[in-house]
Amino acid sequence: MSDLFDLPFEEDDESREAPQPPNPESRIPPPRRTVYSVTELTVRVRDLLEEALQQVWVEGELSNCRVWNGHLYFTLKDDAAQLRGFMFRTTARYLKFRPSDGTRITARGRISVYEPKGEYQLVCEHMEPQGLGALQLAFEQLKKRLEAEGLFAAARKRPLPALPRKIGIVTSLDGAAIRDIINVLRRRYANAHLIVRPARVQGDGAASEIARGLRAIGRVPGVDVVIVGRGGGSTEDLWAFNEEVVARAIAGSPVPIVSAVGHESDFTIADFVADLRAPTPSAAAELVVNAKDDFCGRIDRLHDRLLAAARGRVQRLGRRVHAADARPAFAGFPGRVAMRARHTAELAHALARGMRGRLAVRDRRLRDARRQLDTYDLGRRLAAFRTRLVSAEGRLRSTADRRRHRASAQLASAAARLESLSPLAVLGRGYAVCWTADGRAVRSTSDVSIADPVRVTLAQGELTCEVTATSQHRSTTKDSKDTKDVGG
């Protein structure tokens, strides 16, 4: 088959060959058509962009900056084009400055596609301003905002106490600042009570620790002033004192705060918010006790002035006395004063002697009256009555005991005589008493008849018998044989 470029542009009709029918064997199939959905095509474009542009640096001017749910949305543009950008809140929270419209930045991220709108965008992972550094821009932004809120106003600055009893310190235990502060306070104010709240002063999370330390030490009872700070370092090292959380904690402290961060040339947000800024930690300790030195110096000066005024007044009065004493009218005046003093002493002695005599008379009269009153004292009279009652009770008890013993003895004697006369004693010797049915004692055989029932009382117990025979004999043995026990 000839190449198309080998054929003439125009041919004669004679030389033009007649068209040949197509050969089925030499037919080439058309290319296969691939159809994508919009989503599939968008996803493929996204994958290609993310694979090809995984890490890119872009510079431009910010516009349409806004924050929604912590995420940062913006547009990056130059003179000829624009690019939409997005930063997740987990990344935006670590920005050292606040992005705003018109700021020229350099951003690092990856190119991706926002599928719902089919737009490609920059997923930003890092952002830094051009010209000013990120830290300096963040510093200026925060300073401007806090100054607008009035946190730097001189009207809200509180004076330091003249004689602080408890001094709080918020700093790191590993730095030289704590040693410098303690050395100065030990030398200048040895009786001060120090309360140290350790906190990290650089690195991630240091600002939160400093703020927590300020809030905690402000709640300690009796703390009069707090020193917060650290030694010198780079801007990054001192950045914890440029955080907003530290500034808010200093502004909300219930006691005055002295900021002592870095060296004299270093300035932080904490310095502007604090009640007093010290160029170094050692200077902060000096400023805290400086009021005490001024107070003590003022006392010393007042003491010296008071002594000088007293000496001057004594000298002036002394000169007046000497001048008055030198006058002729006062000649012999000291002698008259001495006589009057002697006469006064005698009168005072006589007065004292008379007063002592009067007092002795009044004292005797008072003792006599007290003795008379004691005789009418109800307590004493009750005590005397109580003594008489106790004595009478003892005599009555002894008399009653004697009469009881006497009555007991008489009763025992009467009982013995009665016992000797009692028929029971006779029964105890083996005798018995016979009773008729109607309760009469049987003294003779004529008192009963044959077959009469009788009761025989013994020393122990009683017998019921029936009379079977009678006899005039007094033999006890025969009588017992003639009786028959019918009961009992």
Protein backbone atom coordinates (compact mmCIF):
# COMPACT_ATOMS: atom_id res chain seq x y z
CA MET A 1 0.00 0.00 0.00
CA SER A 2 1.44 3.31 -0.99
CA ASP A 3 2.07 6.10 1.47
CA LEU A 4 -0.47 8.91 1.27
CA PHE A 5 2.30 11.48 0.82
CA ASP A 6 3.49 9.63 -2.28
CA LEU A 7 0.21 10.17 -4.10
CA PRO A 8 -0.23 13.21 -6.32
CA PHE A 9 -2.57 15.92 -5.17
CA GLU A 10 -4.51 15.67 -8.44
CA GLU A 11 -4.79 12.79 -10.86
CA ASP A 12 -6.23 12.34 -14.30
CA ASP A 13 -9.46 10.56 -14.61
CA GLU A 14 -7.77 7.91 -16.74
CA SER A 15 -5.12 7.13 -14.24
CA ARG A 16 -7.58 6.97 -11.33
CA GLU A 17 -8.19 3.37 -10.45
CA ALA A 18 -11.66 2.10 -9.93
CA PRO A 19 -12.57 1.47 -6.30
CA GLN A 20 -12.03 -2.06 -5.17
CA PRO A 21 -14.43 -3.81 -2.83
CA PRO A 22 -13.17 -4.07 0.72
CA ASN A 23 -11.42 -7.22 1.73
CA PRO A 24 -12.94 -8.73 4.84
CA GLU A 25 -9.63 -10.24 5.90
CA SER A 26 -7.76 -6.94 5.80
CA ARG A 27 -10.38 -4.96 7.93
CA ILE A 28 -8.90 -3.29 11.19
CA PRO A 29 -11.33 -3.16 14.19
CA PRO A 30 -12.08 0.33 15.60
CA PRO A 31 -10.54 1.22 19.04
CA ARG A 32 -12.58 0.20 22.11
CA ARG A 33 -14.45 3.09 23.77
CA THR A 34 -14.17 3.49 27.61
CA VAL A 35 -16.98 5.38 29.34
CA TYR A 36 -16.40 6.86 32.87
CA SER A 37 -18.93 8.23 35.29
CA VAL A 38 -18.31 11.67 36.65
CA THR A 39 -17.34 10.26 40.05
CA GLU A 40 -14.98 7.70 38.54
CA LEU A 41 -13.29 10.28 36.38
CA THR A 42 -12.99 12.70 39.31
CA VAL A 43 -11.51 10.00 41.51
CA ARG A 44 -9.02 9.05 38.77
CA VAL A 45 -8.00 12.69 38.33
CA ARG A 46 -7.59 12.99 42.12
CA ASP A 47 -5.44 9.88 42.26
CA LEU A 48 -3.25 11.11 39.42
CA LEU A 49 -2.82 14.53 41.04
CA GLU A 50 -2.10 13.15 44.49
CA GLU A 51 0.38 10.68 43.05
CA ALA A 52 2.16 13.25 40.92
CA LEU A 53 2.02 16.17 43.37
CA GLN A 54 2.41 14.65 46.79
CA GLN A 55 4.61 17.42 48.19
CA VAL A 56 4.58 20.90 46.69
CA TRP A 57 5.54 24.39 47.90
CA VAL A 58 3.32 27.26 46.77
CA GLU A 59 3.62 30.97 47.45
CA GLY A 60 0.94 33.58 47.06
CA GLU A 61 -1.41 35.99 48.78
CA LEU A 62 -4.14 34.85 51.14
CA SER A 63 -7.76 35.80 50.55
CA ASN A 64 -11.16 34.59 51.74
CA CYS A 65 -9.62 33.23 54.96
CA ARG A 66 -12.17 31.78 57.34
CA VAL A 67 -12.26 29.18 60.11
CA TRP A 68 -15.09 26.68 60.37
CA ASN A 69 -15.18 24.08 63.18
CA GLY A 70 -11.46 24.65 63.65
CA HIS A 71 -10.60 23.96 59.98
CA LEU A 72 -8.97 26.74 57.96
CA TYR A 73 -10.32 27.55 54.47
CA PHE A 74 -8.52 30.04 52.22
CA THR A 75 -7.69 31.01 48.65
CA LEU A 76 -4.10 31.42 47.51
CA LYS A 77 -3.71 33.73 44.51
CA ASP A 78 -1.26 35.72 42.46
CA ASP A 79 -1.69 38.11 39.54
CA ALA A 80 -2.89 35.45 37.05
CA ALA A 81 -4.45 32.54 38.95
CA GLN A 82 -5.84 31.32 42.24
CA LEU A 83 -5.82 28.07 44.16
CA ARG A 84 -8.22 27.00 46.86
CA GLY A 85 -6.63 25.70 50.05
CA PHE A 86 -7.66 23.81 53.15
CA MET A 87 -5.95 23.00 56.48
CA PHE A 88 -7.26 20.55 59.06
CA ARG A 89 -7.78 21.86 62.59
CA THR A 90 -5.24 19.36 63.99
CA THR A 91 -2.62 21.18 61.89
CA ALA A 92 -4.02 24.71 62.13
CA ARG A 93 -3.85 24.71 65.92
CA TYR A 94 -0.03 24.63 65.76
CA LEU A 95 0.30 27.75 63.60
CA LYS A 96 2.36 30.42 65.32
CA PHE A 97 0.46 33.26 63.60
CA ARG A 98 -3.14 33.93 62.61
CA PRO A 99 -3.65 33.84 58.82
CA SER A 100 -5.49 36.86 57.45
CA ASP A 101 -6.44 38.26 54.06
CA GLY A 102 -3.63 40.04 52.24
CA THR A 103 -0.80 38.14 53.96
CA ARG A 104 1.77 36.68 51.56
CA ILE A 105 2.71 33.17 52.63
CA THR A 106 4.60 30.12 51.52
CA ALA A 107 2.59 26.92 51.97
CA ARG A 108 3.54 23.28 51.78
CA GLY A 109 1.06 20.50 51.08
CA ARG A 110 -0.35 18.08 48.51
CA ILE A 111 -2.71 18.64 45.61
CA SER A 112 -6.04 16.88 45.83
CA VAL A 113 -9.54 17.17 44.36
CA TYR A 114 -12.67 18.21 46.20
CA GLU A 115 -15.03 15.70 44.60
CA PRO A 116 -18.44 17.32 45.34
CA LYS A 117 -17.44 20.40 43.29
CA GLY A 118 -14.83 18.87 41.04
CA GLU A 119 -12.25 21.47 42.08
CA TYR A 120 -8.63 20.79 42.79
CA GLN A 121 -7.23 22.24 46.01
CA LEU A 122 -4.15 22.42 48.18
CA VAL A 123 -4.34 20.37 51.39
CA CYS A 124 -1.96 22.52 53.41
CA GLU A 125 0.34 20.94 55.98
CA HIS A 126 2.60 23.90 56.76
CA MET A 127 2.31 27.66 56.36
CA GLU A 128 4.73 30.47 57.06
CA PRO A 129 4.52 34.18 56.24
CA GLN A 130 6.92 35.84 53.85
CA GLY A 131 9.00 38.76 55.06
CA LEU A 132 8.33 38.65 58.85
CA GLY A 133 8.86 35.31 60.50
CA ALA A 134 5.90 33.29 61.75
CA LEU A 135 6.81 33.83 65.40
CA GLN A 136 7.23 37.57 64.98
CA LEU A 137 3.91 37.85 63.14
CA ALA A 138 2.16 35.82 65.82
CA PHE A 139 3.74 38.04 68.46
CA GLU A 140 2.54 41.23 66.78
CA GLN A 141 -0.97 39.87 66.22
CA LEU A 142 -1.43 38.71 69.81
CA LYS A 143 0.07 41.91 71.19
CA LYS A 144 -2.29 44.03 69.13
CA ARG A 145 -5.34 42.00 70.15
CA LEU A 146 -4.55 41.97 73.89
CA GLU A 147 -3.71 45.65 73.83
CA ALA A 148 -7.10 46.33 72.28
CA GLU A 149 -8.72 44.41 75.14
CA GLY A 150 -6.96 46.64 77.71
CA LEU A 151 -4.68 43.99 79.22
CA PHE A 152 -1.67 46.29 78.82
CA ALA A 153 -3.38 49.34 80.37
CA ALA A 154 -1.46 51.07 83.15
CA ALA A 155 -4.70 51.50 85.13
CA ARG A 156 -4.92 47.78 85.85
CA LYS A 157 -1.33 47.47 87.07
CA ARG A 158 -1.19 46.75 90.80
CA PRO A 159 1.57 48.01 93.11
CA LEU A 160 3.83 45.52 94.83
CA PRO A 161 3.33 45.00 98.59
CA ALA A 162 5.78 46.81 100.82
CA LEU A 163 6.49 43.82 103.10
CA PRO A 164 5.47 40.58 101.35
CA ARG A 165 5.14 37.69 103.77
CA LYS A 166 4.80 34.93 101.16
CA ILE A 167 6.46 35.15 97.73
CA GLY A 168 5.37 32.75 95.01
CA ILE A 169 7.74 31.59 92.25
CA VAL A 170 6.68 29.86 89.00
CA THR A 171 9.67 28.61 87.02
CA SER A 172 11.70 25.50 86.26
CA LEU A 173 13.61 23.80 89.05
CA ASP A 174 16.43 22.92 86.65
CA GLY A 175 17.23 26.46 85.48
CA ALA A 176 19.51 29.10 86.89
CA ALA A 177 16.60 31.52 87.44
CA ILE A 178 15.35 29.79 90.60
CA ARG A 179 18.85 29.79 92.12
CA ASP A 180 19.37 33.49 91.33
CA ILE A 181 16.00 34.43 92.88
CA ILE A 182 16.61 32.40 96.04
CA ASN A 183 20.13 33.81 96.48
CA VAL A 184 18.93 37.41 96.20
CA LEU A 185 15.98 36.89 98.55
CA ARG A 186 18.15 35.07 101.08
CA ARG A 187 20.57 37.99 101.10
CA ARG A 188 18.05 40.84 101.03
CA TYR A 189 14.97 39.38 102.77
CA ALA A 190 15.96 36.33 104.81
CA ASN A 191 12.62 36.02 106.67
CA ALA A 192 10.53 35.75 103.48
CA HIS A 193 8.42 32.60 103.01
CA LEU A 194 8.97 31.21 99.48
CA ILE A 195 6.43 28.99 97.70
CA VAL A 196 7.77 27.42 94.48
CA ARG A 197 5.44 25.95 91.82
CA PRO A 198 7.60 24.00 89.30
CA ALA A 199 6.71 24.30 85.60
CA ARG A 200 8.41 23.69 82.28
CA VAL A 201 9.42 26.98 80.65
CA GLN A 202 10.12 25.85 77.08
CA GLY A 203 8.92 23.25 74.62
CA ASP A 204 5.48 21.90 73.75
CA GLY A 205 3.00 22.18 76.61
CA ALA A 206 5.16 24.61 78.60
CA ALA A 207 2.65 27.46 78.27
CA SER A 208 -0.15 25.31 79.71
CA GLU A 209 2.05 24.29 82.65
CA ILE A 210 2.97 27.92 83.37
CA ALA A 211 -0.71 28.95 83.28
CA ARG A 212 -1.67 26.09 85.60
CA GLY A 213 1.16 27.02 87.95
CA LEU A 214 0.00 30.66 88.11
CA ARG A 215 -3.58 29.64 88.84
CA ALA A 216 -2.49 27.12 91.48
CA ILE A 217 -0.13 29.47 93.32
CA GLY A 218 -2.72 32.25 93.23
CA ARG A 219 -5.05 30.03 95.29
CA VAL A 220 -2.49 29.53 98.09
CA PRO A 221 -3.64 31.51 101.16
CA GLY A 222 -1.39 34.40 102.13
CA VAL A 223 0.64 34.75 98.91
CA ASP A 224 1.32 38.48 98.38
CA VAL A 225 3.30 38.54 95.10
CA VAL A 226 4.34 36.04 92.40
CA ILE A 227 7.50 35.97 90.26
CA VAL A 228 7.20 34.13 86.91
CA GLY A 229 10.03 33.80 84.43
CA ARG A 230 13.16 32.02 83.26
CA GLY A 231 16.69 32.71 82.09
CA GLY A 232 17.74 33.91 78.65
CA GLY A 233 17.47 32.02 75.37
CA SER A 234 16.38 32.22 71.76
CA THR A 235 12.98 33.43 70.63
CA GLU A 236 11.81 29.85 70.33
CA ASP A 237 13.00 29.10 73.87
CA LEU A 238 11.11 32.09 75.27
CA TRP A 239 8.00 31.53 73.18
CA ALA A 240 5.98 29.90 76.00
CA PHE A 241 5.70 33.38 77.58
CA ASN A 242 4.22 34.73 74.32
CA GLU A 243 1.25 32.34 74.42
CA GLU A 244 -2.22 33.72 75.02
CA VAL A 245 -2.99 31.20 77.78
CA VAL A 246 -0.08 32.57 79.86
CA ALA A 247 -1.20 36.16 79.27
CA ARG A 248 -4.75 35.30 80.38
CA ALA A 249 -3.46 33.54 83.50
CA ILE A 250 -1.34 36.58 84.45
CA ALA A 251 -4.26 38.94 83.89
CA GLY A 252 -6.56 36.77 86.01
CA SER A 253 -4.16 36.39 88.94
CA PRO A 254 -5.56 37.68 92.26
CA VAL A 255 -2.11 38.92 93.38
CA PRO A 256 0.50 41.12 91.64
CA ILE A 257 2.72 39.36 89.08
CA VAL A 258 6.35 40.22 88.32
CA SER A 259 7.51 38.99 84.90
CA ALA A 260 11.22 38.11 84.67
CA VAL A 261 11.84 36.48 81.27
CA GLY A 262 15.24 36.31 79.60
CA HIS A 263 17.65 39.22 79.55
CA GLU A 264 17.11 42.96 79.53
CA SER A 265 16.77 43.06 75.73
CA ASP A 266 14.08 40.32 75.63
CA PHE A 267 10.42 41.35 75.59
CA THR A 268 7.48 38.93 75.76
CA ILE A 269 3.71 39.24 75.95
CA ALA A 270 3.96 38.27 79.64
CA ASP A 271 6.06 41.41 80.25
CA PHE A 272 3.31 43.66 78.90
CA VAL A 273 0.49 41.96 80.84
CA ALA A 274 2.33 41.60 84.17
CA ASP A 275 2.01 44.23 86.87
CA LEU A 276 5.77 44.81 86.75
CA ARG A 277 8.47 43.76 84.29
CA ALA A 278 11.94 42.85 85.53
CA PRO A 279 14.86 42.58 83.06
CA THR A 280 16.20 39.40 84.73
CA PRO A 281 15.10 36.95 87.46
CA SER A 282 17.67 38.44 89.85
CA ALA A 283 16.30 41.90 89.19
CA ALA A 284 12.79 40.60 89.88
CA ALA A 285 13.87 39.45 93.32
CA GLU A 286 15.50 42.85 93.90
CA LEU A 287 12.30 44.65 92.89
CA VAL A 288 10.14 42.51 95.16
CA VAL A 289 12.20 43.40 98.24
CA ASN A 290 13.09 46.91 97.08
CA ALA A 291 9.90 48.22 98.66
CA LYS A 292 11.06 46.77 101.97
CA ASP A 293 14.38 48.60 101.65
CA ASP A 294 12.58 51.84 100.87
CA PHE A 295 10.24 51.27 103.80
CA CYS A 296 13.11 50.59 106.22
CA GLY A 297 15.09 53.54 104.86
CA ARG A 298 12.11 55.83 105.34
CA ILE A 299 11.75 54.63 108.92
CA ASP A 300 15.44 55.30 109.55
CA ARG A 301 15.17 58.78 108.05
CA LEU A 302 12.08 59.57 110.15
CA HIS A 303 13.87 58.26 113.24
CA ASP A 304 16.85 60.51 112.59
CA ARG A 305 14.60 63.50 111.97
CA LEU A 306 12.66 62.81 115.18
CA LEU A 307 15.86 62.57 117.25
CA ALA A 308 17.22 65.78 115.70
CA ALA A 309 13.94 67.63 116.37
CA ALA A 310 13.86 66.39 119.99
CA ARG A 311 17.48 67.44 120.60
CA GLY A 312 16.87 70.85 119.05
CA ARG A 313 13.75 71.42 121.18
CA VAL A 314 15.58 70.39 124.39
CA GLN A 315 18.45 72.68 123.57
CA ARG A 316 16.11 75.60 122.87
CA LEU A 317 14.21 75.05 126.12
CA GLY A 318 17.52 74.71 128.02
CA ARG A 319 18.73 78.02 126.67
CA ARG A 320 15.46 79.67 127.68
CA VAL A 321 15.81 78.27 131.22
CA HIS A 322 19.38 79.51 131.52
CA ALA A 323 18.36 82.92 130.20
CA ALA A 324 15.49 83.14 132.69
CA ASP A 325 17.72 82.00 135.54
CA ALA A 326 20.24 84.76 134.78
CA ARG A 327 17.68 87.54 135.28
CA PRO A 328 17.90 89.57 138.53
CA ALA A 329 14.27 88.97 139.38
CA PHE A 330 15.03 85.27 139.78
CA ALA A 331 17.86 85.75 142.30
CA GLY A 332 17.37 83.44 145.27
CA PHE A 333 14.62 81.66 143.42
CA PRO A 334 16.32 78.23 143.65
CA GLY A 335 16.51 78.58 147.47
CA ARG A 336 12.83 79.45 147.68
CA VAL A 337 12.03 76.53 145.42
CA ALA A 338 14.09 74.28 147.72
CA MET A 339 12.20 75.52 150.79
CA ARG A 340 8.91 75.03 149.07
CA ALA A 341 10.02 71.56 148.05
CA ARG A 342 10.95 70.73 151.65
CA HIS A 343 7.63 72.09 152.92
CA THR A 344 5.87 70.07 150.24
CA ALA A 345 7.73 66.92 151.30
CA GLU A 346 6.72 67.46 154.94
CA LEU A 347 3.11 68.00 153.99
CA ALA A 348 3.23 64.90 151.82
CA HIS A 349 4.71 62.90 154.70
CA ALA A 350 2.05 64.16 157.13
CA LEU A 351 -0.67 63.45 154.62
CA ALA A 352 0.63 59.95 154.09
CA ARG A 353 0.82 59.31 157.85
CA GLY A 354 -2.75 60.60 158.35
CA MET A 355 -4.00 58.51 155.48
CA ARG A 356 -2.34 55.40 156.90
CA GLY A 357 -3.98 56.05 160.32
CA ARG A 358 -7.37 56.57 158.74
CA LEU A 359 -6.93 53.47 156.70
CA ALA A 360 -5.95 51.41 159.78
CA VAL A 361 -9.10 52.58 161.64
CA ARG A 362 -11.28 51.80 158.67
CA ASP A 363 -9.61 48.41 158.33
CA ARG A 364 -10.36 47.50 161.97
CA ARG A 365 -13.96 48.61 161.59
CA LEU A 366 -14.21 46.56 158.45
CA ARG A 367 -12.88 43.43 160.19
CA ASP A 368 -15.37 43.92 163.10
CA ALA A 369 -18.23 44.34 160.68
CA ARG A 370 -17.13 41.23 158.78
CA ARG A 371 -17.08 39.20 162.00
CA GLN A 372 -20.57 40.42 162.89
CA LEU A 373 -21.79 39.59 159.43
CA ASP A 374 -20.21 36.14 159.70
CA THR A 375 -22.48 35.39 162.68
CA TYR A 376 -25.48 36.01 160.44
CA ASP A 377 -24.03 34.19 157.55
CA LEU A 378 -26.62 31.67 156.30
CA GLY A 379 -23.95 29.29 155.14
CA ARG A 380 -22.23 29.20 158.49
CA ARG A 381 -25.58 28.83 160.32
CA LEU A 382 -26.59 25.98 158.03
CA ALA A 383 -23.22 24.33 158.67
CA ALA A 384 -23.80 24.62 162.45
CA PHE A 385 -27.32 23.21 162.10
CA ARG A 386 -25.93 20.40 159.99
CA THR A 387 -23.34 19.60 162.68
CA ARG A 388 -26.01 19.58 165.40
CA LEU A 389 -28.23 17.35 163.26
CA VAL A 390 -25.37 14.91 162.66
CA SER A 391 -24.62 14.81 166.42
CA ALA A 392 -28.31 14.33 167.32
CA GLU A 393 -28.60 11.63 164.67
CA GLY A 394 -25.65 9.78 166.18
CA ARG A 395 -27.08 9.99 169.69
CA LEU A 396 -30.52 8.88 168.44
CA ARG A 397 -29.01 5.97 166.57
CA SER A 398 -27.01 4.81 169.64
CA THR A 399 -30.08 5.15 171.89
CA ALA A 400 -32.22 3.20 169.43
CA ASP A 401 -29.55 0.50 169.20
CA ARG A 402 -29.39 0.19 173.02
CA ARG A 403 -33.18 -0.01 173.35
CA ARG A 404 -33.35 -2.57 170.54
CA HIS A 405 -30.70 -4.72 172.23
CA ARG A 406 -32.54 -4.41 175.55
CA ALA A 407 -35.88 -5.35 173.92
CA SER A 408 -34.22 -8.25 172.11
CA ALA A 409 -32.81 -9.55 175.39
CA GLN A 410 -36.22 -9.25 177.13
CA LEU A 411 -37.90 -10.99 174.21
CA ALA A 412 -35.38 -13.82 174.32
CA SER A 413 -35.94 -14.22 178.08
CA ALA A 414 -39.74 -14.24 177.67
CA ALA A 415 -39.46 -16.72 174.83
CA ALA A 416 -37.35 -19.00 177.02
CA ARG A 417 -39.87 -18.82 179.84
CA LEU A 418 -42.73 -19.37 177.40
CA GLU A 419 -40.89 -22.27 175.89
CA SER A 420 -40.49 -23.82 179.30
CA LEU A 421 -44.28 -23.55 179.85
CA SER A 422 -45.27 -24.62 176.35
CA PRO A 423 -47.00 -28.03 176.02
CA LEU A 424 -44.95 -28.57 172.91
CA ALA A 425 -41.85 -28.89 175.08
CA VAL A 426 -43.64 -31.65 177.02
CA LEU A 427 -44.52 -33.32 173.73
CA GLY A 428 -40.90 -33.17 172.78
CA ARG A 429 -40.07 -35.32 175.79
CA GLY A 430 -42.31 -38.16 174.47
CA TYR A 431 -45.74 -37.18 175.78
CA ALA A 432 -48.89 -36.85 173.68
CA VAL A 433 -52.18 -34.95 173.89
CA CYS A 434 -55.49 -36.67 173.13
CA TRP A 435 -58.38 -34.67 171.72
CA THR A 436 -62.02 -35.49 171.29
CA ALA A 437 -63.81 -35.02 168.01
CA ASP A 438 -65.11 -31.63 169.11
CA GLY A 439 -61.61 -30.45 170.07
CA ARG A 440 -61.56 -30.89 173.87
CA ALA A 441 -58.53 -32.32 175.57
CA VAL A 442 -59.07 -35.76 177.09
CA ARG A 443 -58.05 -35.66 180.70
CA SER A 444 -59.99 -38.68 182.02
CA THR A 445 -61.49 -41.87 180.68
CA SER A 446 -64.86 -40.43 181.48
CA ASP A 447 -64.39 -37.80 178.76
CA VAL A 448 -64.72 -40.46 176.00
CA SER A 449 -66.77 -43.59 175.35
CA ILE A 450 -66.10 -46.85 173.55
CA ALA A 451 -65.93 -46.34 169.74
CA ASP A 452 -65.43 -42.56 170.03
CA PRO A 453 -62.86 -41.18 167.57
CA VAL A 454 -60.00 -39.24 169.11
CA ARG A 455 -56.93 -37.34 167.81
CA VAL A 456 -53.55 -37.85 169.38
CA THR A 457 -51.08 -34.98 168.93
CA LEU A 458 -47.41 -35.95 169.06
CA ALA A 459 -44.27 -33.83 168.98
CA GLN A 460 -44.16 -34.51 165.25
CA GLY A 461 -47.45 -35.30 163.56
CA GLU A 462 -50.92 -36.39 164.70
CA LEU A 463 -52.79 -39.73 164.99
CA THR A 464 -56.49 -40.44 164.51
CA CYS A 465 -57.61 -43.26 166.79
CA GLU A 466 -60.81 -44.97 167.98
CA VAL A 467 -61.47 -45.86 171.65
CA THR A 468 -61.89 -49.63 172.02
CA ALA A 469 -61.61 -49.86 175.79
CA THR A 470 -61.11 -47.67 178.87
CA SER A 471 -59.25 -48.32 182.07
CA GLN A 472 -58.46 -46.37 185.22
CA HIS A 473 -54.82 -47.48 185.23
CA ARG A 474 -52.27 -44.75 184.49
CA SER A 475 -49.96 -47.11 182.63
CA THR A 476 -49.04 -45.53 179.42
CA THR A 477 -48.02 -48.84 177.91
CA LYS A 478 -51.43 -50.40 178.53
CA ASP A 479 -53.24 -47.40 177.15
CA SER A 480 -51.20 -47.60 173.99
CA LYS A 481 -52.05 -51.28 173.62
CA ASP A 482 -55.75 -50.60 174.06
CA THR A 483 -55.78 -47.93 171.31
CA LYS A 484 -55.92 -48.81 167.65
CA ASP A 485 -54.65 -46.59 164.83
CA VAL A 486 -57.44 -46.11 162.37
CA GLY A 487 -55.93 -43.43 160.14
CA GLY A 488 -53.05 -41.12 159.66
